[in-house]
């Protein structure tokens, strides 16, 4: 009978959580830049950068959430197989 090793699951779980945390923190920073931008002055560089970065952060959070879902499904499958 072979033993089942799921040592990589916690690392994947932690990576997914870290990606979500970093993405949300980045979105918070970007929202502060957008809120404090003065578009009337004509300097839209910081605003544009923050908006582009916010899109990237959103993609990071979505990818991390999908990774977390996959880890959850994989762990459930491995537990079902082990039992």
Protein backbone atom coordinates (compact mmCIF):
# COMPACT_ATOMS: atom_id res chain seq x y z
CA UNK A 1 0.00 0.00 0.00
CA UNK A 2 1.50 3.34 -1.02
CA UNK A 3 1.35 6.42 1.15
CA UNK A 4 -0.29 9.57 -0.10
CA UNK A 5 1.69 12.77 0.24
CA UNK A 6 -0.09 16.08 0.04
CA UNK A 7 2.83 18.21 1.17
CA UNK A 8 2.43 20.67 -1.70
CA UNK A 9 -1.17 21.53 -0.87
CA UNK A 10 -0.46 23.89 2.06
CA UNK A 11 2.11 25.76 -0.01
CA UNK A 12 -0.36 26.21 -2.85
CA UNK A 13 -3.03 27.27 -0.36
CA UNK A 14 -0.69 29.82 1.22
CA UNK A 15 0.38 31.12 -2.19
CA UNK A 16 -3.25 31.63 -3.20
CA UNK A 17 -4.01 33.46 0.04
CA UNK A 18 -0.92 35.62 -0.36
CA UNK A 19 -1.88 36.48 -3.94
CA UNK A 20 -5.36 37.54 -2.82
CA UNK A 21 -3.94 39.62 0.06
CA UNK A 22 -1.39 41.34 -2.16
CA UNK A 23 -3.97 42.01 -4.85
CA UNK A 24 -6.40 43.59 -2.42
CA UNK A 25 -3.64 45.69 -0.85
CA UNK A 26 -2.63 46.86 -4.33
CA UNK A 27 -6.22 47.73 -5.17
CA UNK A 28 -6.41 49.77 -1.97
CA UNK A 29 -3.27 51.72 -2.92
CA UNK A 30 -4.55 52.28 -6.44
CA UNK A 31 -7.93 53.49 -5.21
CA UNK A 32 -6.19 56.05 -3.00
CA UNK A 33 -4.19 57.34 -5.97
CA UNK A 34 -7.35 57.57 -8.10
CA UNK A 35 -9.25 59.35 -5.33
CA UNK A 36 -6.50 61.91 -4.80
CA UNK A 37 -5.79 62.57 -8.50
CA UNK A 38 -6.48 66.01 -9.85
CA UNK A 39 -7.63 65.45 -13.43
CA UNK A 40 -8.34 69.15 -13.93
CA UNK A 41 -4.62 69.95 -13.67
CA UNK A 42 -3.94 67.84 -16.75
CA UNK A 43 -1.47 65.53 -15.01
CA UNK A 44 -3.12 62.18 -15.63
CA UNK A 45 0.02 60.02 -15.59
CA UNK A 46 -0.43 58.84 -12.00
CA UNK A 47 -4.14 58.28 -12.57
CA UNK A 48 -3.55 56.24 -15.71
CA UNK A 49 -0.86 54.18 -14.00
CA UNK A 50 -3.10 53.49 -11.02
CA UNK A 51 -5.99 52.41 -13.23
CA UNK A 52 -3.81 50.05 -15.26
CA UNK A 53 -2.29 48.66 -12.08
CA UNK A 54 -5.79 48.17 -10.62
CA UNK A 55 -6.68 46.00 -13.62
CA UNK A 56 -3.55 43.93 -13.05
CA UNK A 57 -4.37 43.57 -9.36
CA UNK A 58 -7.89 42.43 -10.22
CA UNK A 59 -6.46 39.74 -12.49
CA UNK A 60 -4.07 38.67 -9.70
CA UNK A 61 -6.96 38.32 -7.24
CA UNK A 62 -9.07 36.38 -9.76
CA UNK A 63 -6.19 34.01 -10.57
CA UNK A 64 -5.43 33.49 -6.89
CA UNK A 65 -9.10 32.77 -6.16
CA UNK A 66 -9.14 30.18 -8.94
CA UNK A 67 -5.97 28.66 -7.53
CA UNK A 68 -7.59 28.49 -4.08
CA UNK A 69 -10.64 26.79 -5.58
CA UNK A 70 -8.42 24.24 -7.35
CA UNK A 71 -6.50 23.52 -4.14
CA UNK A 72 -9.79 23.03 -2.30
CA UNK A 73 -11.10 20.65 -4.95
CA UNK A 74 -7.82 18.73 -5.11
CA UNK A 75 -7.64 18.36 -1.35
CA UNK A 76 -11.23 17.13 -1.25
CA UNK A 77 -10.48 14.58 -3.98
CA UNK A 78 -7.33 13.37 -2.22
CA UNK A 79 -9.19 12.97 1.06
CA UNK A 80 -11.95 11.01 -0.70
CA UNK A 81 -9.34 8.73 -2.30
CA UNK A 82 -7.46 8.24 0.98
CA UNK A 83 -10.61 7.35 2.93
